[in-house]
Amino acid sequence: MELYDVVEIEDGLVERKPKGTIRLLEEWLLGIFKTEKESELKDIFKPIKKVRRERQNPAHKITENEYDDKFIELQKKLVSDAYGSIRALRFIFQQHPKAKNFEVPDWLENGNIKKF
């Protein structure tokens, strides 16, 4: 598995850019876990990548506090989608032979998660 992308910058010069952890996990899973459609597995990572994108700018600049009710709904949707992705990843890892004796609690298996 390649940990870097090789990007041509100019006149035949290339730069090695490290791949991010989310991308590495996605590529690794695509290599070892087979589904009918590859897009199903890629869709698992969309909400996780969205969380990364949404927090990228605020994490690197100082802004005034801003309050708007729309942020509450956006946050609920983002958290719900991210939970779905993490849950799907858990189901994938649950398929591993060494995980067969692990018992998932009912509340986690059923996804009874309350949003506030």
N, C-alpha and C. Protein backbone atom coordinates (compact mmCIF):
# COMPACT_ATOMS: atom_id res chain seq x y z
N MET A 1 0.85 -1.17 0.00
CA MET A 1 0.00 0.00 0.00
C MET A 1 0.89 1.23 0.00
N GLU A 2 0.61 2.12 -0.92
CA GLU A 2 1.40 3.35 -1.03
C GLU A 2 0.93 4.38 0.00
N LEU A 3 1.87 4.92 0.74
CA LEU A 3 1.54 5.93 1.74
C LEU A 3 1.61 7.34 1.18
N TYR A 4 2.12 7.47 -0.04
CA TYR A 4 2.31 8.78 -0.66
C TYR A 4 1.72 8.81 -2.06
N ASP A 5 1.33 10.00 -2.49
CA ASP A 5 1.00 10.26 -3.89
C ASP A 5 2.21 10.96 -4.49
N VAL A 6 2.53 10.63 -5.72
CA VAL A 6 3.60 11.32 -6.41
C VAL A 6 2.94 12.30 -7.37
N VAL A 7 3.22 13.60 -7.16
CA VAL A 7 2.58 14.66 -7.93
C VAL A 7 3.65 15.40 -8.71
N GLU A 8 3.43 15.53 -10.03
CA GLU A 8 4.37 16.30 -10.85
C GLU A 8 4.10 17.78 -10.62
N ILE A 9 5.16 18.53 -10.30
CA ILE A 9 4.96 19.96 -10.04
C ILE A 9 5.39 20.82 -11.22
N GLU A 10 6.51 20.53 -11.82
CA GLU A 10 6.94 21.27 -13.02
C GLU A 10 8.21 20.65 -13.59
N ASP A 11 8.36 20.78 -14.89
CA ASP A 11 9.57 20.34 -15.59
C ASP A 11 10.07 18.97 -15.14
N GLY A 12 9.17 18.04 -14.95
CA GLY A 12 9.57 16.70 -14.57
C GLY A 12 9.87 16.51 -13.09
N LEU A 13 9.83 17.60 -12.32
CA LEU A 13 10.03 17.47 -10.88
C LEU A 13 8.78 16.89 -10.24
N VAL A 14 8.99 16.02 -9.29
CA VAL A 14 7.85 15.42 -8.61
C VAL A 14 7.95 15.64 -7.12
N GLU A 15 6.81 15.63 -6.49
CA GLU A 15 6.75 15.81 -5.04
C GLU A 15 5.98 14.63 -4.45
N ARG A 16 6.48 14.11 -3.35
CA ARG A 16 5.77 13.04 -2.64
C ARG A 16 4.88 13.69 -1.59
N LYS A 17 3.58 13.49 -1.74
CA LYS A 17 2.63 14.05 -0.77
C LYS A 17 2.03 12.89 0.02
N PRO A 18 2.10 12.98 1.34
CA PRO A 18 1.53 11.88 2.15
C PRO A 18 0.01 11.83 2.02
N LYS A 19 -0.52 10.63 1.96
CA LYS A 19 -1.97 10.45 1.93
C LYS A 19 -2.50 10.62 3.34
N GLY A 20 -3.70 11.11 3.45
CA GLY A 20 -4.32 11.28 4.76
C GLY A 20 -4.79 9.96 5.35
N THR A 21 -5.05 9.96 6.64
CA THR A 21 -5.44 8.74 7.33
C THR A 21 -6.79 8.19 6.85
N ILE A 22 -7.72 9.08 6.55
CA ILE A 22 -9.02 8.62 6.07
C ILE A 22 -8.86 7.93 4.72
N ARG A 23 -8.09 8.54 3.85
CA ARG A 23 -7.87 7.95 2.53
C ARG A 23 -7.13 6.62 2.63
N LEU A 24 -6.15 6.55 3.51
CA LEU A 24 -5.42 5.29 3.69
C LEU A 24 -6.36 4.18 4.18
N LEU A 25 -7.23 4.50 5.13
CA LEU A 25 -8.19 3.50 5.62
C LEU A 25 -9.13 3.07 4.50
N GLU A 26 -9.60 4.03 3.72
CA GLU A 26 -10.50 3.72 2.61
C GLU A 26 -9.82 2.81 1.59
N GLU A 27 -8.60 3.14 1.19
CA GLU A 27 -7.88 2.32 0.21
C GLU A 27 -7.61 0.93 0.76
N TRP A 28 -7.25 0.85 2.03
CA TRP A 28 -6.98 -0.44 2.65
C TRP A 28 -8.23 -1.31 2.65
N LEU A 29 -9.37 -0.72 3.06
CA LEU A 29 -10.62 -1.49 3.08
C LEU A 29 -11.04 -1.91 1.68
N LEU A 30 -10.87 -1.02 0.70
CA LEU A 30 -11.21 -1.37 -0.68
C LEU A 30 -10.37 -2.55 -1.17
N GLY A 31 -9.15 -2.64 -0.64
CA GLY A 31 -8.26 -3.73 -1.05
C GLY A 31 -8.58 -5.06 -0.40
N ILE A 32 -9.17 -5.05 0.79
CA ILE A 32 -9.38 -6.32 1.49
C ILE A 32 -10.84 -6.73 1.64
N PHE A 33 -11.76 -5.78 1.52
CA PHE A 33 -13.17 -6.08 1.75
C PHE A 33 -13.92 -5.91 0.44
N LYS A 34 -14.58 -6.95 0.00
CA LYS A 34 -15.27 -6.92 -1.29
C LYS A 34 -16.78 -6.79 -1.11
N THR A 35 -17.36 -5.90 -1.89
CA THR A 35 -18.81 -5.73 -1.94
C THR A 35 -19.25 -5.85 -3.39
N GLU A 36 -20.55 -5.94 -3.60
CA GLU A 36 -21.05 -6.03 -4.97
C GLU A 36 -20.69 -4.78 -5.76
N LYS A 37 -20.82 -3.64 -5.11
CA LYS A 37 -20.47 -2.38 -5.76
C LYS A 37 -19.41 -1.68 -4.91
N GLU A 38 -18.32 -1.29 -5.55
CA GLU A 38 -17.27 -0.57 -4.84
C GLU A 38 -17.79 0.75 -4.28
N SER A 39 -18.78 1.32 -4.97
CA SER A 39 -19.33 2.61 -4.53
C SER A 39 -19.98 2.51 -3.15
N GLU A 40 -20.50 1.33 -2.79
CA GLU A 40 -21.10 1.16 -1.46
C GLU A 40 -20.07 1.43 -0.37
N LEU A 41 -18.88 0.91 -0.56
CA LEU A 41 -17.82 1.10 0.43
C LEU A 41 -17.33 2.54 0.41
N LYS A 42 -17.24 3.13 -0.77
CA LYS A 42 -16.80 4.52 -0.86
C LYS A 42 -17.81 5.46 -0.21
N ASP A 43 -19.09 5.12 -0.30
CA ASP A 43 -20.13 5.95 0.31
C ASP A 43 -20.01 6.02 1.83
N ILE A 44 -19.46 4.99 2.42
CA ILE A 44 -19.26 4.99 3.88
C ILE A 44 -18.36 6.14 4.29
N PHE A 45 -17.41 6.48 3.46
CA PHE A 45 -16.41 7.49 3.82
C PHE A 45 -16.85 8.92 3.52
N LYS A 46 -17.92 9.10 2.76
CA LYS A 46 -18.36 10.46 2.41
C LYS A 46 -18.68 11.32 3.64
N PRO A 47 -19.48 10.83 4.60
CA PRO A 47 -19.74 11.66 5.78
C PRO A 47 -18.48 11.93 6.62
N ILE A 48 -17.60 10.97 6.68
CA ILE A 48 -16.36 11.17 7.45
C ILE A 48 -15.51 12.25 6.80
N LYS A 49 -15.44 12.22 5.48
CA LYS A 49 -14.69 13.25 4.75
C LYS A 49 -15.38 14.61 4.89
N LYS A 50 -16.70 14.60 4.95
CA LYS A 50 -17.43 15.86 5.12
C LYS A 50 -17.12 16.48 6.49
N VAL A 51 -17.06 15.66 7.52
CA VAL A 51 -16.68 16.16 8.85
C VAL A 51 -15.30 16.80 8.78
N ARG A 52 -14.38 16.13 8.11
CA ARG A 52 -13.02 16.66 7.98
C ARG A 52 -13.04 18.02 7.28
N ARG A 53 -13.79 18.12 6.17
CA ARG A 53 -13.88 19.38 5.42
C ARG A 53 -14.50 20.49 6.25
N GLU A 54 -15.59 20.17 6.95
CA GLU A 54 -16.31 21.18 7.72
C GLU A 54 -15.47 21.77 8.85
N ARG A 55 -14.60 20.97 9.43
CA ARG A 55 -13.82 21.47 10.56
C ARG A 55 -12.48 22.06 10.11
N GLN A 56 -12.11 21.85 8.87
CA GLN A 56 -10.79 22.29 8.40
C GLN A 56 -10.59 23.80 8.52
N ASN A 57 -11.49 24.60 7.93
CA ASN A 57 -11.33 26.06 7.98
C ASN A 57 -11.42 26.62 9.39
N PRO A 58 -12.46 26.28 10.15
CA PRO A 58 -12.53 26.84 11.51
C PRO A 58 -11.33 26.46 12.38
N ALA A 59 -10.72 25.36 12.10
CA ALA A 59 -9.59 24.92 12.91
C ALA A 59 -8.34 25.75 12.63
N HIS A 60 -8.33 26.46 11.52
CA HIS A 60 -7.12 27.18 11.13
C HIS A 60 -7.29 28.69 11.01
N LYS A 61 -8.39 29.21 11.54
CA LYS A 61 -8.54 30.66 11.54
C LYS A 61 -9.38 31.09 12.74
N ILE A 62 -9.20 32.31 13.12
CA ILE A 62 -9.94 32.86 14.25
C ILE A 62 -11.11 33.67 13.70
N THR A 63 -12.31 33.39 14.21
CA THR A 63 -13.51 34.11 13.77
C THR A 63 -14.34 34.48 14.99
N GLU A 64 -15.20 35.45 14.80
CA GLU A 64 -16.14 35.83 15.85
C GLU A 64 -17.18 34.72 16.01
N ASN A 65 -17.66 34.56 17.21
CA ASN A 65 -18.74 33.60 17.44
C ASN A 65 -19.96 34.03 16.65
N GLU A 66 -20.62 33.06 16.06
CA GLU A 66 -21.81 33.33 15.28
C GLU A 66 -22.87 32.32 15.69
N TYR A 67 -24.06 32.80 15.99
CA TYR A 67 -25.14 31.90 16.38
C TYR A 67 -26.23 31.93 15.32
N ASP A 68 -26.66 30.75 14.94
CA ASP A 68 -27.77 30.63 14.00
C ASP A 68 -28.38 29.25 14.23
N ASP A 69 -29.70 29.18 14.30
CA ASP A 69 -30.38 27.90 14.52
C ASP A 69 -30.06 26.87 13.44
N LYS A 70 -29.71 27.34 12.25
CA LYS A 70 -29.42 26.39 11.16
C LYS A 70 -28.23 25.50 11.51
N PHE A 71 -27.30 26.02 12.34
CA PHE A 71 -26.13 25.23 12.71
C PHE A 71 -26.52 24.01 13.54
N ILE A 72 -27.57 24.14 14.32
CA ILE A 72 -28.03 23.02 15.15
C ILE A 72 -28.50 21.88 14.26
N GLU A 73 -29.31 22.20 13.26
CA GLU A 73 -29.81 21.16 12.34
C GLU A 73 -28.68 20.58 11.50
N LEU A 74 -27.77 21.45 11.04
CA LEU A 74 -26.62 20.95 10.27
C LEU A 74 -25.77 20.01 11.11
N GLN A 75 -25.58 20.36 12.37
CA GLN A 75 -24.78 19.52 13.26
C GLN A 75 -25.47 18.17 13.49
N LYS A 76 -26.77 18.18 13.70
CA LYS A 76 -27.50 16.92 13.90
C LYS A 76 -27.36 16.01 12.68
N LYS A 77 -27.50 16.60 11.49
CA LYS A 77 -27.37 15.81 10.25
C LYS A 77 -25.96 15.26 10.11
N LEU A 78 -24.97 16.11 10.36
CA LEU A 78 -23.58 15.69 10.24
C LEU A 78 -23.26 14.56 11.22
N VAL A 79 -23.69 14.71 12.45
CA VAL A 79 -23.44 13.68 13.47
C VAL A 79 -24.17 12.38 13.11
N SER A 80 -25.40 12.50 12.65
CA SER A 80 -26.17 11.32 12.27
C SER A 80 -25.51 10.57 11.10
N ASP A 81 -25.08 11.31 10.09
CA ASP A 81 -24.41 10.70 8.94
C ASP A 81 -23.09 10.06 9.34
N ALA A 82 -22.33 10.76 10.18
CA ALA A 82 -21.05 10.22 10.64
C ALA A 82 -21.27 8.96 11.47
N TYR A 83 -22.30 8.96 12.30
CA TYR A 83 -22.63 7.77 13.09
C TYR A 83 -22.92 6.60 12.16
N GLY A 84 -23.68 6.85 11.09
CA GLY A 84 -23.98 5.80 10.12
C GLY A 84 -22.72 5.22 9.50
N SER A 85 -21.76 6.07 9.21
CA SER A 85 -20.49 5.61 8.64
C SER A 85 -19.71 4.76 9.63
N ILE A 86 -19.61 5.24 10.86
CA ILE A 86 -18.87 4.51 11.88
C ILE A 86 -19.55 3.17 12.16
N ARG A 87 -20.86 3.17 12.15
CA ARG A 87 -21.62 1.94 12.36
C ARG A 87 -21.35 0.94 11.23
N ALA A 88 -21.32 1.43 10.00
CA ALA A 88 -21.02 0.57 8.85
C ALA A 88 -19.61 -0.01 8.96
N LEU A 89 -18.66 0.81 9.38
CA LEU A 89 -17.29 0.31 9.57
C LEU A 89 -17.27 -0.77 10.65
N ARG A 90 -18.03 -0.56 11.72
CA ARG A 90 -18.09 -1.57 12.78
C ARG A 90 -18.65 -2.88 12.23
N PHE A 91 -19.68 -2.81 11.40
CA PHE A 91 -20.24 -4.02 10.80
C PHE A 91 -19.19 -4.74 9.95
N ILE A 92 -18.40 -3.97 9.21
CA ILE A 92 -17.35 -4.57 8.39
C ILE A 92 -16.34 -5.30 9.27
N PHE A 93 -15.87 -4.63 10.31
CA PHE A 93 -14.87 -5.24 11.19
C PHE A 93 -15.47 -6.42 11.97
N GLN A 94 -16.76 -6.39 12.18
CA GLN A 94 -17.44 -7.48 12.87
C GLN A 94 -17.38 -8.78 12.06
N GLN A 95 -17.16 -8.66 10.75
CA GLN A 95 -17.09 -9.82 9.87
C GLN A 95 -15.78 -10.60 10.05
N HIS A 96 -14.80 -9.97 10.66
CA HIS A 96 -13.49 -10.61 10.81
C HIS A 96 -13.62 -11.87 11.66
N PRO A 97 -12.95 -12.95 11.25
CA PRO A 97 -13.05 -14.21 12.01
C PRO A 97 -12.66 -14.08 13.49
N LYS A 98 -11.70 -13.23 13.79
CA LYS A 98 -11.28 -13.08 15.18
C LYS A 98 -12.30 -12.30 16.02
N ALA A 99 -13.29 -11.70 15.37
CA ALA A 99 -14.31 -10.94 16.09
C ALA A 99 -15.57 -11.75 16.32
N LYS A 100 -15.57 -13.02 15.92
CA LYS A 100 -16.80 -13.81 15.99
C LYS A 100 -17.30 -14.02 17.41
N ASN A 101 -16.42 -14.01 18.39
CA ASN A 101 -16.85 -14.23 19.78
C ASN A 101 -17.19 -12.94 20.51
N PHE A 102 -17.03 -11.82 19.83
CA PHE A 102 -17.35 -10.53 20.46
C PHE A 102 -18.85 -10.29 20.35
N GLU A 103 -19.46 -9.97 21.47
CA GLU A 103 -20.89 -9.72 21.47
C GLU A 103 -21.16 -8.22 21.55
N VAL A 104 -21.83 -7.71 20.54
CA VAL A 104 -22.15 -6.29 20.48
C VAL A 104 -23.40 -6.04 21.33
N PRO A 105 -23.36 -5.06 22.23
CA PRO A 105 -24.54 -4.76 23.05
C PRO A 105 -25.74 -4.39 22.17
N ASP A 106 -26.93 -4.76 22.63
CA ASP A 106 -28.16 -4.49 21.86
C ASP A 106 -28.33 -3.02 21.52
N TRP A 107 -28.05 -2.14 22.47
CA TRP A 107 -28.26 -0.71 22.22
C TRP A 107 -27.38 -0.21 21.08
N LEU A 108 -26.20 -0.84 20.94
CA LEU A 108 -25.30 -0.44 19.85
C LEU A 108 -25.71 -1.12 18.55
N GLU A 109 -26.05 -2.38 18.64
CA GLU A 109 -26.47 -3.14 17.45
C GLU A 109 -27.72 -2.53 16.81
N ASN A 110 -28.66 -2.10 17.64
CA ASN A 110 -29.91 -1.55 17.13
C ASN A 110 -29.82 -0.08 16.76
N GLY A 111 -28.76 0.56 17.16
CA GLY A 111 -28.57 1.97 16.81
C GLY A 111 -29.51 2.91 17.53
N ASN A 112 -29.89 2.55 18.74
CA ASN A 112 -30.78 3.42 19.52
C ASN A 112 -29.99 4.58 20.12
N ILE A 113 -29.65 5.51 19.29
CA ILE A 113 -28.88 6.67 19.71
C ILE A 113 -29.80 7.88 19.66
N LYS A 114 -29.87 8.61 20.75
CA LYS A 114 -30.74 9.79 20.80
C LYS A 114 -29.93 11.04 20.48
N LYS A 115 -30.54 11.91 19.69
CA LYS A 115 -29.91 13.19 19.36
C LYS A 115 -30.57 14.29 20.18
N PHE A 116 -29.77 15.19 20.69
CA PHE A 116 -30.29 16.30 21.48
C PHE A 116 -30.06 17.60 20.76
